[in-house]
Amino acid sequence: MKNVIITKLEEMLQQPEASAVAHQMRTLQKEYQKLWTAEFEKAKQEFVEEGGKAKEFEYAKSPEDVKISELIDKIEKKKKEEDNKLAVEQAKNLVIRNEIIAKINDLSQVSDNIGAAIKKLVEL
């Protein structure tokens, strides 16, 4: 099952937009967490049944677990980068819109040549 999750995460990482697959990634992450928890509990139970103390139990991550964590981190990083680019672009657009609004306000105060003001308004 972990191999299926790894394959799906690798496919998601290849998608051009991480934002589009973020929800699917979180679903797979929850599915993986359930698997890991079940494995952990089973291993812990076996350890206790063999005479070990529950407090002394240590559960090492498998290579598959490490790979899944790395893929999830890469997708999250890609999404953060996309979000940052979008925020920068939105900030630039806001500046441009504010400049246009300022120019429109300037035009509304110039009433000498209405034809020229309307022409400039259409351009803006």
PDB file of N, CA and C in Angstrom:
ATOM      1  N   MET A   1       0.822  -1.205   0.000  1.00  0.00           N
ATOM      2  CA  MET A   1       0.000   0.000   0.000  1.00  0.00           C
ATOM      3  C   MET A   1       0.860   1.260   0.000  1.00  0.00           C
ATOM      4  N   LYS A   2       1.979   1.215   0.737  1.00  0.00           N
ATOM      5  CA  LYS A   2       2.851   2.393   0.778  1.00  0.00           C
ATOM      6  C   LYS A   2       3.423   2.686  -0.606  1.00  0.00           C
ATOM      7  N   ASN A   3       3.688   1.616  -1.377  1.00  0.00           N
ATOM      8  CA  ASN A   3       4.213   1.825  -2.735  1.00  0.00           C
ATOM      9  C   ASN A   3       3.204   2.558  -3.611  1.00  0.00           C
ATOM     10  N   VAL A   4       1.935   2.278  -3.411  1.00  0.00           N
ATOM     11  CA  VAL A   4       0.876   2.962  -4.163  1.00  0.00           C
ATOM     12  C   VAL A   4       0.871   4.446  -3.785  1.00  0.00           C
ATOM     13  N   ILE A   5       0.995   4.738  -2.502  1.00  0.00           N
ATOM     14  CA  ILE A   5       1.020   6.126  -2.036  1.00  0.00           C
ATOM     15  C   ILE A   5       2.239   6.843  -2.606  1.00  0.00           C
ATOM     16  N   ILE A   6       3.388   6.171  -2.595  1.00  0.00           N
ATOM     17  CA  ILE A   6       4.613   6.769  -3.149  1.00  0.00           C
ATOM     18  C   ILE A   6       4.421   7.089  -4.622  1.00  0.00           C
ATOM     19  N   THR A   7       3.863   6.155  -5.368  1.00  0.00           N
ATOM     20  CA  THR A   7       3.635   6.363  -6.799  1.00  0.00           C
ATOM     21  C   THR A   7       2.706   7.554  -7.047  1.00  0.00           C
ATOM     22  N   LYS A   8       1.624   7.627  -6.287  1.00  0.00           N
ATOM     23  CA  LYS A   8       0.672   8.741  -6.455  1.00  0.00           C
ATOM     24  C   LYS A   8       1.319  10.074  -6.094  1.00  0.00           C
ATOM     25  N   LEU A   9       2.113  10.097  -5.023  1.00  0.00           N
ATOM     26  CA  LEU A   9       2.789  11.338  -4.631  1.00  0.00           C
ATOM     27  C   LEU A   9       3.807  11.769  -5.689  1.00  0.00           C
ATOM     28  N   GLU A  10       4.522  10.810  -6.260  1.00  0.00           N
ATOM     29  CA  GLU A  10       5.477  11.133  -7.324  1.00  0.00           C
ATOM     30  C   GLU A  10       4.765  11.721  -8.543  1.00  0.00           C
ATOM     31  N   GLU A  11       3.598  11.165  -8.870  1.00  0.00           N
ATOM     32  CA  GLU A  11       2.800  11.699  -9.979  1.00  0.00           C
ATOM     33  C   GLU A  11       2.347  13.124  -9.676  1.00  0.00           C
ATOM     34  N   MET A  12       1.936  13.351  -8.439  1.00  0.00           N
ATOM     35  CA  MET A  12       1.481  14.684  -8.041  1.00  0.00           C
ATOM     36  C   MET A  12       2.617  15.694  -8.119  1.00  0.00           C
ATOM     37  N   LEU A  13       3.798  15.270  -7.774  1.00  0.00           N
ATOM     38  CA  LEU A  13       4.956  16.160  -7.805  1.00  0.00           C
ATOM     39  C   LEU A  13       5.265  16.601  -9.231  1.00  0.00           C
ATOM     40  N   GLN A  14       4.902  15.780 -10.214  1.00  0.00           N
ATOM     41  CA  GLN A  14       5.151  16.107 -11.617  1.00  0.00           C
ATOM     42  C   GLN A  14       4.112  17.065 -12.191  1.00  0.00           C
ATOM     43  N   GLN A  15       3.013  17.256 -11.480  1.00  0.00           N
ATOM     44  CA  GLN A  15       1.966  18.174 -11.958  1.00  0.00           C
ATOM     45  C   GLN A  15       2.514  19.597 -11.982  1.00  0.00           C
ATOM     46  N   PRO A  16       2.097  20.385 -12.967  1.00  0.00           N
ATOM     47  CA  PRO A  16       2.622  21.753 -13.060  1.00  0.00           C
ATOM     48  C   PRO A  16       2.214  22.647 -11.889  1.00  0.00           C
ATOM     49  N   GLU A  17       1.066  22.397 -11.294  1.00  0.00           N
ATOM     50  CA  GLU A  17       0.601  23.229 -10.188  1.00  0.00           C
ATOM     51  C   GLU A  17       0.359  22.367  -8.948  1.00  0.00           C
ATOM     52  N   ALA A  18       1.136  22.620  -7.921  1.00  0.00           N
ATOM     53  CA  ALA A  18       0.982  21.876  -6.675  1.00  0.00           C
ATOM     54  C   ALA A  18      -0.329  22.236  -5.980  1.00  0.00           C
ATOM     55  N   SER A  19      -0.816  23.439  -6.223  1.00  0.00           N
ATOM     56  CA  SER A  19      -2.071  23.871  -5.595  1.00  0.00           C
ATOM     57  C   SER A  19      -3.229  22.977  -6.020  1.00  0.00           C
ATOM     58  N   ALA A  20      -3.162  22.501  -7.265  1.00  0.00           N
ATOM     59  CA  ALA A  20      -4.250  21.681  -7.790  1.00  0.00           C
ATOM     60  C   ALA A  20      -4.303  20.305  -7.130  1.00  0.00           C
ATOM     61  N   VAL A  21      -3.179  19.824  -6.615  1.00  0.00           N
ATOM     62  CA  VAL A  21      -3.140  18.488  -6.031  1.00  0.00           C
ATOM     63  C   VAL A  21      -2.981  18.504  -4.510  1.00  0.00           C
ATOM     64  N   ALA A  22      -3.020  19.685  -3.913  1.00  0.00           N
ATOM     65  CA  ALA A  22      -2.795  19.804  -2.469  1.00  0.00           C
ATOM     66  C   ALA A  22      -3.830  19.010  -1.669  1.00  0.00           C
ATOM     67  N   HIS A  23      -5.080  19.069  -2.088  1.00  0.00           N
ATOM     68  CA  HIS A  23      -6.131  18.344  -1.368  1.00  0.00           C
ATOM     69  C   HIS A  23      -5.903  16.830  -1.463  1.00  0.00           C
ATOM     70  N   GLN A  24      -5.560  16.356  -2.657  1.00  0.00           N
ATOM     71  CA  GLN A  24      -5.292  14.930  -2.838  1.00  0.00           C
ATOM     72  C   GLN A  24      -4.091  14.497  -1.998  1.00  0.00           C
ATOM     73  N   MET A  25      -3.087  15.372  -1.932  1.00  0.00           N
ATOM     74  CA  MET A  25      -1.905  15.064  -1.146  1.00  0.00           C
ATOM     75  C   MET A  25      -2.269  14.901   0.327  1.00  0.00           C
ATOM     76  N   ARG A  26      -3.098  15.797   0.839  1.00  0.00           N
ATOM     77  CA  ARG A  26      -3.509  15.703   2.241  1.00  0.00           C
ATOM     78  C   ARG A  26      -4.308  14.423   2.498  1.00  0.00           C
ATOM     79  N   THR A  27      -5.128  14.019   1.533  1.00  0.00           N
ATOM     80  CA  THR A  27      -5.895  12.777   1.662  1.00  0.00           C
ATOM     81  C   THR A  27      -4.942  11.585   1.737  1.00  0.00           C
ATOM     82  N   LEU A  28      -3.948  11.564   0.855  1.00  0.00           N
ATOM     83  CA  LEU A  28      -2.964  10.483   0.887  1.00  0.00           C
ATOM     84  C   LEU A  28      -2.148  10.510   2.175  1.00  0.00           C
ATOM     85  N   GLN A  29      -1.862  11.709   2.650  1.00  0.00           N
ATOM     86  CA  GLN A  29      -1.097  11.851   3.880  1.00  0.00           C
ATOM     87  C   GLN A  29      -1.884  11.244   5.059  1.00  0.00           C
ATOM     88  N   LYS A  30      -3.174  11.477   5.110  1.00  0.00           N
ATOM     89  CA  LYS A  30      -4.017  10.894   6.169  1.00  0.00           C
ATOM     90  C   LYS A  30      -4.071   9.373   6.037  1.00  0.00           C
ATOM     91  N   GLU A  31      -4.172   8.900   4.808  1.00  0.00           N
ATOM     92  CA  GLU A  31      -4.207   7.470   4.554  1.00  0.00           C
ATOM     93  C   GLU A  31      -2.893   6.820   5.020  1.00  0.00           C
ATOM     94  N   TYR A  32      -1.790   7.461   4.698  1.00  0.00           N
ATOM     95  CA  TYR A  32      -0.479   6.968   5.117  1.00  0.00           C
ATOM     96  C   TYR A  32      -0.375   6.962   6.640  1.00  0.00           C
ATOM     97  N   GLN A  33      -0.852   8.015   7.277  1.00  0.00           N
ATOM     98  CA  GLN A  33      -0.772   8.111   8.736  1.00  0.00           C
ATOM     99  C   GLN A  33      -1.535   6.961   9.394  1.00  0.00           C
ATOM    100  N   LYS A  34      -2.682   6.599   8.818  1.00  0.00           N
ATOM    101  CA  LYS A  34      -3.444   5.469   9.351  1.00  0.00           C
ATOM    102  C   LYS A  34      -2.649   4.174   9.221  1.00  0.00           C
ATOM    103  N   LEU A  35      -2.015   3.980   8.054  1.00  0.00           N
ATOM    104  CA  LEU A  35      -1.193   2.786   7.851  1.00  0.00           C
ATOM    105  C   LEU A  35      -0.035   2.736   8.837  1.00  0.00           C
ATOM    106  N   TRP A  36       0.658   3.857   8.970  1.00  0.00           N
ATOM    107  CA  TRP A  36       1.818   3.919   9.849  1.00  0.00           C
ATOM    108  C   TRP A  36       1.403   3.644  11.302  1.00  0.00           C
ATOM    109  N   THR A  37       0.294   4.235  11.719  1.00  0.00           N
ATOM    110  CA  THR A  37      -0.182   4.042  13.087  1.00  0.00           C
ATOM    111  C   THR A  37      -0.519   2.577  13.333  1.00  0.00           C
ATOM    112  N   ALA A  38      -1.161   1.929  12.372  1.00  0.00           N
ATOM    113  CA  ALA A  38      -1.502   0.512  12.520  1.00  0.00           C
ATOM    114  C   ALA A  38      -0.235  -0.332  12.627  1.00  0.00           C
ATOM    115  N   GLU A  39       0.760  -0.043  11.779  1.00  0.00           N
ATOM    116  CA  GLU A  39       2.028  -0.771  11.832  1.00  0.00           C
ATOM    117  C   GLU A  39       2.729  -0.545  13.171  1.00  0.00           C
ATOM    118  N   PHE A  40       2.720   0.688  13.613  1.00  0.00           N
ATOM    119  CA  PHE A  40       3.360   1.044  14.871  1.00  0.00           C
ATOM    120  C   PHE A  40       2.727   0.284  16.033  1.00  0.00           C
ATOM    121  N   GLU A  41       1.407   0.327  16.085  1.00  0.00           N
ATOM    122  CA  GLU A  41       0.693  -0.341  17.173  1.00  0.00           C
ATOM    123  C   GLU A  41       0.934  -1.850  17.154  1.00  0.00           C
ATOM    124  N   LYS A  42       0.948  -2.434  15.969  1.00  0.00           N
ATOM    125  CA  LYS A  42       1.193  -3.877  15.845  1.00  0.00           C
ATOM    126  C   LYS A  42       2.604  -4.215  16.324  1.00  0.00           C
ATOM    127  N   ALA A  43       3.590  -3.452  15.883  1.00  0.00           N
ATOM    128  CA  ALA A  43       4.973  -3.699  16.291  1.00  0.00           C
ATOM    129  C   ALA A  43       5.141  -3.501  17.794  1.00  0.00           C
ATOM    130  N   LYS A  44       4.479  -2.510  18.331  1.00  0.00           N
ATOM    131  CA  LYS A  44       4.561  -2.241  19.761  1.00  0.00           C
ATOM    132  C   LYS A  44       3.949  -3.397  20.551  1.00  0.00           C
ATOM    133  N   GLN A  45       2.812  -3.871  20.079  1.00  0.00           N
ATOM    134  CA  GLN A  45       2.134  -4.991  20.734  1.00  0.00           C
ATOM    135  C   GLN A  45       3.026  -6.232  20.728  1.00  0.00           C
ATOM    136  N   GLU A  46       3.656  -6.524  19.594  1.00  0.00           N
ATOM    137  CA  GLU A  46       4.554  -7.670  19.489  1.00  0.00           C
ATOM    138  C   GLU A  46       5.739  -7.509  20.445  1.00  0.00           C
ATOM    139  N   PHE A  47       6.262  -6.293  20.543  1.00  0.00           N
ATOM    140  CA  PHE A  47       7.385  -6.016  21.430  1.00  0.00           C
ATOM    141  C   PHE A  47       7.000  -6.295  22.882  1.00  0.00           C
ATOM    142  N   VAL A  48       5.822  -5.855  23.271  1.00  0.00           N
ATOM    143  CA  VAL A  48       5.345  -6.060  24.639  1.00  0.00           C
ATOM    144  C   VAL A  48       5.087  -7.544  24.894  1.00  0.00           C
ATOM    145  N   GLU A  49       4.502  -8.230  23.916  1.00  0.00           N
ATOM    146  CA  GLU A  49       4.217  -9.661  24.069  1.00  0.00           C
ATOM    147  C   GLU A  49       5.495 -10.479  24.218  1.00  0.00           C
ATOM    148  N   GLU A  50       6.591  -9.996  23.635  1.00  0.00           N
ATOM    149  CA  GLU A  50       7.874 -10.687  23.735  1.00  0.00           C
ATOM    150  C   GLU A  50       8.604 -10.347  25.032  1.00  0.00           C
ATOM    151  N   GLY A  51       7.991  -9.557  25.871  1.00  0.00           N
ATOM    152  CA  GLY A  51       8.562  -9.271  27.173  1.00  0.00           C
ATOM    153  C   GLY A  51       9.152  -7.880  27.316  1.00  0.00           C
ATOM    154  N   GLY A  52       9.067  -7.063  26.291  1.00  0.00           N
ATOM    155  CA  GLY A  52       9.590  -5.706  26.365  1.00  0.00           C
ATOM    156  C   GLY A  52       8.638  -4.775  27.090  1.00  0.00           C
ATOM    157  N   LYS A  53       9.167  -3.656  27.524  1.00  0.00           N
ATOM    158  CA  LYS A  53       8.340  -2.645  28.186  1.00  0.00           C
ATOM    159  C   LYS A  53       7.890  -1.624  27.157  1.00  0.00           C
ATOM    160  N   ALA A  54       6.633  -1.232  27.250  1.00  0.00           N
ATOM    161  CA  ALA A  54       6.058  -0.301  26.266  1.00  0.00           C
ATOM    162  C   ALA A  54       6.834   1.008  26.207  1.00  0.00           C
ATOM    163  N   LYS A  55       7.354   1.468  27.345  1.00  0.00           N
ATOM    164  CA  LYS A  55       8.087   2.733  27.372  1.00  0.00           C
ATOM    165  C   LYS A  55       9.426   2.644  26.660  1.00  0.00           C
ATOM    166  N   GLU A  56       9.954   1.447  26.535  1.00  0.00           N
ATOM    167  CA  GLU A  56      11.256   1.246  25.897  1.00  0.00           C
ATOM    168  C   GLU A  56      11.133   1.008  24.394  1.00  0.00           C
ATOM    169  N   PHE A  57       9.924   0.904  23.906  1.00  0.00           N
ATOM    170  CA  PHE A  57       9.708   0.589  22.484  1.00  0.00           C
ATOM    171  C   PHE A  57      10.124   1.754  21.597  1.00  0.00           C
ATOM    172  N   GLU A  58      10.909   1.431  20.585  1.00  0.00           N
ATOM    173  CA  GLU A  58      11.299   2.411  19.572  1.00  0.00           C
ATOM    174  C   GLU A  58      10.939   1.840  18.211  1.00  0.00           C
ATOM    175  N   TYR A  59      10.385   2.681  17.370  1.00  0.00           N
ATOM    176  CA  TYR A  59       9.943   2.237  16.054  1.00  0.00           C
ATOM    177  C   TYR A  59      10.654   3.073  14.992  1.00  0.00           C
ATOM    178  N   ALA A  60      11.537   2.444  14.274  1.00  0.00           N
ATOM    179  CA  ALA A  60      12.312   3.145  13.242  1.00  0.00           C
ATOM    180  C   ALA A  60      11.490   3.256  11.956  1.00  0.00           C
ATOM    181  N   LYS A  61      11.685   4.365  11.262  1.00  0.00           N
ATOM    182  CA  LYS A  61      10.994   4.554   9.988  1.00  0.00           C
ATOM    183  C   LYS A  61      11.634   3.675   8.921  1.00  0.00           C
ATOM    184  N   SER A  62      10.787   3.116   8.084  1.00  0.00           N
ATOM    185  CA  SER A  62      11.274   2.303   6.974  1.00  0.00           C
ATOM    186  C   SER A  62      11.692   3.239   5.837  1.00  0.00           C
ATOM    187  N   PRO A  63      12.440   2.729   4.853  1.00  0.00           N
ATOM    188  CA  PRO A  63      12.797   3.562   3.696  1.00  0.00           C
ATOM    189  C   PRO A  63      11.563   4.122   2.977  1.00  0.00           C
ATOM    190  N   GLU A  64      10.487   3.338   2.972  1.00  0.00           N
ATOM    191  CA  GLU A  64       9.244   3.812   2.354  1.00  0.00           C
ATOM    192  C   GLU A  64       8.683   5.004   3.120  1.00  0.00           C
ATOM    193  N   ASP A  65       8.751   4.928   4.450  1.00  0.00           N
ATOM    194  CA  ASP A  65       8.259   6.029   5.281  1.00  0.00           C
ATOM    195  C   ASP A  65       9.054   7.302   5.010  1.00  0.00           C
ATOM    196  N   VAL A  66      10.349   7.146   4.907  1.00  0.00           N
ATOM    197  CA  VAL A  66      11.221   8.299   4.632  1.00  0.00           C
ATOM    198  C   VAL A  66      10.899   8.887   3.260  1.00  0.00           C
ATOM    199  N   LYS A  67      10.711   8.026   2.273  1.00  0.00           N
ATOM    200  CA  LYS A  67      10.400   8.482   0.903  1.00  0.00           C
ATOM    201  C   LYS A  67       9.072   9.243   0.880  1.00  0.00           C
ATOM    202  N   ILE A  68       8.070   8.739   1.571  1.00  0.00           N
ATOM    203  CA  ILE A  68       6.766   9.410   1.617  1.00  0.00           C
ATOM    204  C   ILE A  68       6.903  10.786   2.261  1.00  0.00           C
ATOM    205  N   SER A  69       7.638  10.864   3.353  1.00  0.00           N
ATOM    206  CA  SER A  69       7.842  12.153   4.023  1.00  0.00           C
ATOM    207  C   SER A  69       8.554  13.146   3.111  1.00  0.00           C
ATOM    208  N   GLU A  70       9.562  12.670   2.387  1.00  0.00           N
ATOM    209  CA  GLU A  70      10.294  13.544   1.461  1.00  0.00           C
ATOM    210  C   GLU A  70       9.391  14.061   0.349  1.00  0.00           C
ATOM    211  N   LEU A  71       8.574  13.182  -0.214  1.00  0.00           N
ATOM    212  CA  LEU A  71       7.674  13.591  -1.294  1.00  0.00           C
ATOM    213  C   LEU A  71       6.642  14.605  -0.805  1.00  0.00           C
ATOM    214  N   ILE A  72       6.098  14.370   0.368  1.00  0.00           N
ATOM    215  CA  ILE A  72       5.118  15.308   0.925  1.00  0.00           C
ATOM    216  C   ILE A  72       5.781  16.671   1.151  1.00  0.00           C
ATOM    217  N   ASP A  73       6.993  16.653   1.687  1.00  0.00           N
ATOM    218  CA  ASP A  73       7.718  17.909   1.908  1.00  0.00           C
ATOM    219  C   ASP A  73       7.972  18.647   0.598  1.00  0.00           C
ATOM    220  N   LYS A  74       8.328  17.920  -0.455  1.00  0.00           N
ATOM    221  CA  LYS A  74       8.587  18.544  -1.755  1.00  0.00           C
ATOM    222  C   LYS A  74       7.323  19.180  -2.330  1.00  0.00           C
ATOM    223  N   ILE A  75       6.201  18.481  -2.212  1.00  0.00           N
ATOM    224  CA  ILE A  75       4.938  19.025  -2.721  1.00  0.00           C
ATOM    225  C   ILE A  75       4.552  20.270  -1.932  1.00  0.00           C
ATOM    226  N   GLU A  76       4.704  20.217  -0.601  1.00  0.00           N
ATOM    227  CA  GLU A  76       4.372  21.378   0.231  1.00  0.00           C
ATOM    228  C   GLU A  76       5.285  22.560  -0.095  1.00  0.00           C
ATOM    229  N   LYS A  77       6.553  22.300  -0.328  1.00  0.00           N
ATOM    230  CA  LYS A  77       7.494  23.365  -0.679  1.00  0.00           C
ATOM    231  C   LYS A  77       7.114  23.987  -2.021  1.00  0.00           C
ATOM    232  N   LYS A  78       6.767  23.143  -2.981  1.00  0.00           N
ATOM    233  CA  LYS A  78       6.363  23.624  -4.303  1.00  0.00           C
ATOM    234  C   LYS A  78       5.105  24.493  -4.185  1.00  0.00           C
ATOM    235  N   LYS A  79       4.156  24.071  -3.342  1.00  0.00           N
ATOM    236  CA  LYS A  79       2.934  24.853  -3.155  1.00  0.00           C
ATOM    237  C   LYS A  79       3.246  26.205  -2.513  1.00  0.00           C
ATOM    238  N   LYS A  80       4.136  26.227  -1.523  1.00  0.00           N
ATOM    239  CA  LYS A  80       4.507  27.488  -0.881  1.00  0.00           C
ATOM    240  C   LYS A  80       5.155  28.437  -1.888  1.00  0.00           C
ATOM    241  N   GLU A  81       6.017  27.899  -2.749  1.00  0.00           N
ATOM    242  CA  GLU A  81       6.651  28.727  -3.779  1.00  0.00           C
ATOM    243  C   GLU A  81       5.606  29.318  -4.721  1.00  0.00           C
ATOM    244  N   GLU A  82       4.632  28.494  -5.113  1.00  0.00           N
ATOM    245  CA  GLU A  82       3.553  28.978  -5.978  1.00  0.00           C
ATOM    246  C   GLU A  82       2.742  30.062  -5.276  1.00  0.00           C
ATOM    247  N   ASP A  83       2.446  29.851  -4.008  1.00  0.00           N
ATOM    248  CA  ASP A  83       1.680  30.835  -3.238  1.00  0.00           C
ATOM    249  C   ASP A  83       2.447  32.152  -3.124  1.00  0.00           C
ATOM    250  N   ASN A  84       3.756  32.065  -2.911  1.00  0.00           N
ATOM    251  CA  ASN A  84       4.580  33.281  -2.818  1.00  0.00           C
ATOM    252  C   ASN A  84       4.612  34.033  -4.142  1.00  0.00           C
ATOM    253  N   LYS A  85       4.750  33.303  -5.261  1.00  0.00           N
ATOM    254  CA  LYS A  85       4.735  33.943  -6.585  1.00  0.00           C
ATOM    255  C   LYS A  85       3.399  34.637  -6.827  1.00  0.00           C
ATOM    256  N   LEU A  86       2.318  33.971  -6.439  1.00  0.00           N
ATOM    257  CA  LEU A  86       0.988  34.550  -6.619  1.00  0.00           C
ATOM    258  C   LEU A  86       0.833  35.812  -5.786  1.00  0.00           C
ATOM    259  N   ALA A  87       1.336  35.794  -4.556  1.00  0.00           N
ATOM    260  CA  ALA A  87       1.242  36.968  -3.684  1.00  0.00           C
ATOM    261  C   ALA A  87       2.025  38.140  -4.266  1.00  0.00           C
ATOM    262  N   VAL A  88       3.203  37.879  -4.821  1.00  0.00           N
ATOM    263  CA  VAL A  88       4.007  38.938  -5.442  1.00  0.00           C
ATOM    264  C   VAL A  88       3.275  39.512  -6.653  1.00  0.00           C
ATOM    265  N   GLU A  89       2.708  38.632  -7.455  1.00  0.00           N
ATOM    266  CA  GLU A  89       1.975  39.086  -8.642  1.00  0.00           C
ATOM    267  C   GLU A  89       0.742  39.909  -8.249  1.00  0.00           C
ATOM    268  N   GLN A  90       0.049  39.478  -7.213  1.00  0.00           N
ATOM    269  CA  GLN A  90      -1.121  40.227  -6.748  1.00  0.00           C
ATOM    270  C   GLN A  90      -0.719  41.602  -6.218  1.00  0.00           C
ATOM    271  N   ALA A  91       0.415  41.661  -5.552  1.00  0.00           N
ATOM    272  CA  ALA A  91       0.895  42.955  -5.047  1.00  0.00           C
ATOM    273  C   ALA A  91       1.226  43.891  -6.203  1.00  0.00           C
ATOM    274  N   LYS A  92       1.858  43.360  -7.247  1.00  0.00           N
ATOM    275  CA  LYS A  92       2.168  44.180  -8.429  1.00  0.00           C
ATOM    276  C   LYS A  92       0.881  44.677  -9.084  1.00  0.00           C
ATOM    277  N   ASN A  93      -0.096  43.789  -9.210  1.00  0.00           N
ATOM    278  CA  ASN A  93      -1.372  44.169  -9.819  1.00  0.00           C
ATOM    279  C   ASN A  93      -2.085  45.242  -9.002  1.00  0.00           C
ATOM    280  N   LEU A  94      -1.975  45.152  -7.685  1.00  0.00           N
ATOM    281  CA  LEU A  94      -2.593  46.153  -6.824  1.00  0.00           C
ATOM    282  C   LEU A  94      -1.963  47.523  -7.059  1.00  0.00           C
ATOM    283  N   VAL A  95      -0.656  47.568  -7.183  1.00  0.00           N
ATOM    284  CA  VAL A  95       0.033  48.832  -7.447  1.00  0.00           C
ATOM    285  C   VAL A  95      -0.436  49.415  -8.780  1.00  0.00           C
ATOM    286  N   ILE A  96      -0.514  48.566  -9.807  1.00  0.00           N
ATOM    287  CA  ILE A  96      -0.960  49.026 -11.130  1.00  0.00           C
ATOM    288  C   ILE A  96      -2.396  49.555 -11.057  1.00  0.00           C
ATOM    289  N   ARG A  97      -3.262  48.837 -10.375  1.00  0.00           N
ATOM    290  CA  ARG A  97      -4.661  49.281 -10.254  1.00  0.00           C
ATOM    291  C   ARG A  97      -4.767  50.606  -9.507  1.00  0.00           C
ATOM    292  N   ASN A  98      -3.964  50.736  -8.454  1.00  0.00           N
ATOM    293  CA  ASN A  98      -3.989  51.998  -7.702  1.00  0.00           C
ATOM    294  C   ASN A  98      -3.502  53.164  -8.558  1.00  0.00           C
ATOM    295  N   GLU A  99      -2.502  52.912  -9.415  1.00  0.00           N
ATOM    296  CA  GLU A  99      -2.026  53.956 -10.327  1.00  0.00           C
ATOM    297  C   GLU A  99      -3.119  54.354 -11.315  1.00  0.00           C
ATOM    298  N   ILE A 100      -3.835  53.379 -11.832  1.00  0.00           N
ATOM    299  CA  ILE A 100      -4.926  53.660 -12.775  1.00  0.00           C
ATOM    300  C   ILE A 100      -6.024  54.465 -12.079  1.00  0.00           C
ATOM    301  N   ILE A 101      -6.352  54.082 -10.859  1.00  0.00           N
ATOM    302  CA  ILE A 101      -7.378  54.809 -10.106  1.00  0.00           C
ATOM    303  C   ILE A 101      -6.944  56.253  -9.865  1.00  0.00           C
ATOM    304  N   ALA A 102      -5.676  56.442  -9.539  1.00  0.00           N
ATOM    305  CA  ALA A 102      -5.163  57.801  -9.317  1.00  0.00           C
ATOM    306  C   ALA A 102      -5.265  58.630 -10.592  1.00  0.00           C
ATOM    307  N   LYS A 103      -4.949  58.006 -11.736  1.00  0.00           N
ATOM    308  CA  LYS A 103      -5.041  58.734 -13.011  1.00  0.00           C
ATOM    309  C   LYS A 103      -6.477  59.078 -13.343  1.00  0.00           C
ATOM    310  N   ILE A 104      -7.391  58.178 -13.044  1.00  0.00           N
ATOM    311  CA  ILE A 104      -8.810  58.452 -13.290  1.00  0.00           C
ATOM    312  C   ILE A 104      -9.278  59.601 -12.402  1.00  0.00           C
ATOM    313  N   ASN A 105      -8.831  59.600 -11.153  1.00  0.00           N
ATOM    314  CA  ASN A 105      -9.180  60.709 -10.258  1.00  0.00           C
ATOM    315  C   ASN A 105      -8.629  62.028 -10.787  1.00  0.00           C
ATOM    316  N   ASP A 106      -7.403  62.014 -11.320  1.00  0.00           N
ATOM    317  CA  ASP A 106      -6.820  63.221 -11.901  1.00  0.00           C
ATOM    318  C   ASP A 106      -7.650  63.700 -13.088  1.00  0.00           C
ATOM    319  N   LEU A 107      -8.127  62.756 -13.898  1.00  0.00           N
ATOM    320  CA  LEU A 107      -8.933  63.127 -15.064  1.00  0.00           C
ATOM    321  C   LEU A 107     -10.262  63.762 -14.646  1.00  0.00           C
ATOM    322  N   SER A 108     -10.820  63.265 -13.562  1.00  0.00           N
ATOM    323  CA  SER A 108     -12.115  63.788 -13.137  1.00  0.00           C
ATOM    324  C   SER A 108     -12.008  65.225 -12.642  1.00  0.00           C
ATOM    325  N   GLN A 109     -10.822  65.651 -12.251  1.00  0.00           N
ATOM    326  CA  GLN A 109     -10.627  67.011 -11.773  1.00  0.00           C
ATOM    327  C   GLN A 109     -10.322  67.989 -12.908  1.00  0.00           C
ATOM    328  N   VAL A 110      -9.976  67.439 -14.058  1.00  0.00           N
ATOM    329  CA  VAL A 110      -9.704  68.295 -15.223  1.00  0.00           C
ATOM    330  C   VAL A 110     -10.978  68.365 -16.047  1.00  0.00           C
ATOM    331  N   SER A 111     -11.612  69.515 -16.011  1.00  0.00           N
ATOM    332  CA  SER A 111     -12.877  69.654 -16.739  1.00  0.00           C
ATOM    333  C   SER A 111     -12.737  70.573 -17.946  1.00  0.00           C
ATOM    334  N   ASP A 112     -11.521  71.014 -18.259  1.00  0.00           N
ATOM    335  CA  ASP A 112     -11.318  71.931 -19.383  1.00  0.00           C
ATOM    336  C   ASP A 112     -11.620  71.256 -20.718  1.00  0.00           C
ATOM    337  N   ASN A 113     -11.093  70.084 -20.943  1.00  0.00           N
ATOM    338  CA  ASN A 113     -11.263  69.411 -22.217  1.00  0.00           C
ATOM    339  C   ASN A 113     -11.882  68.040 -21.963  1.00  0.00           C
ATOM    340  N   ILE A 114     -13.190  67.974 -22.009  1.00  0.00           N
ATOM    341  CA  ILE A 114     -13.925  66.749 -21.714  1.00  0.00           C
ATOM    342  C   ILE A 114     -13.605  65.659 -22.730  1.00  0.00           C
ATOM    343  N   GLY A 115     -13.477  66.014 -23.989  1.00  0.00           N
ATOM    344  CA  GLY A 115     -13.186  65.031 -25.048  1.00  0.00           C
ATOM    345  C   GLY A 115     -11.850  64.340 -24.786  1.00  0.00           C
ATOM    346  N   ALA A 116     -10.834  65.122 -24.450  1.00  0.00           N
ATOM    347  CA  ALA A 116      -9.517  64.534 -24.172  1.00  0.00           C
ATOM    348  C   ALA A 116      -9.551  63.669 -22.917  1.00  0.00           C
ATOM    349  N   ALA A 117     -10.324  64.090 -21.926  1.00  0.00           N
ATOM    350  CA  ALA A 117     -10.433  63.332 -20.678  1.00  0.00           C
ATOM    351  C   ALA A 117     -11.107  61.985 -20.930  1.00  0.00           C
ATOM    352  N   ILE A 118     -12.166  62.000 -21.746  1.00  0.00           N
ATOM    353  CA  ILE A 118     -12.862  60.758 -22.063  1.00  0.00           C
ATOM    354  C   ILE A 118     -11.957  59.823 -22.852  1.00  0.00           C
ATOM    355  N   LYS A 119     -11.216  60.374 -23.796  1.00  0.00           N
ATOM    356  CA  LYS A 119     -10.280  59.567 -24.586  1.00  0.00           C
ATOM    357  C   LYS A 119      -9.242  58.913 -23.673  1.00  0.00           C
ATOM    358  N   LYS A 120      -8.688  59.659 -22.746  1.00  0.00           N
ATOM    359  CA  LYS A 120      -7.688  59.133 -21.817  1.00  0.00           C
ATOM    360  C   LYS A 120      -8.317  58.085 -20.902  1.00  0.00           C
ATOM    361  N   LEU A 121      -9.561  58.311 -20.487  1.00  0.00           N
ATOM    362  CA  LEU A 121     -10.267  57.348 -19.645  1.00  0.00           C
ATOM    363  C   LEU A 121     -10.434  56.007 -20.363  1.00  0.00           C
ATOM    364  N   VAL A 122     -10.786  56.072 -21.644  1.00  0.00           N
ATOM    365  CA  VAL A 122     -10.939  54.855 -22.427  1.00  0.00           C
ATOM    366  C   VAL A 122      -9.616  54.112 -22.525  1.00  0.00           C
ATOM    367  N   GLU A 123      -8.507  54.848 -22.674  1.00  0.00           N
ATOM    368  CA  GLU A 123      -7.192  54.221 -22.728  1.00  0.00           C
ATOM    369  C   GLU A 123      -6.854  53.499 -21.430  1.00  0.00           C
ATOM    370  N   LEU A 124      -7.203  54.151 -20.330  1.00  0.00           N
ATOM    371  CA  LEU A 124      -6.898  53.545 -19.024  1.00  0.00           C
ATOM    372  C   LEU A 124      -7.732  52.308 -18.810  1.00  0.00           C
TER     373      LEU A 124
END
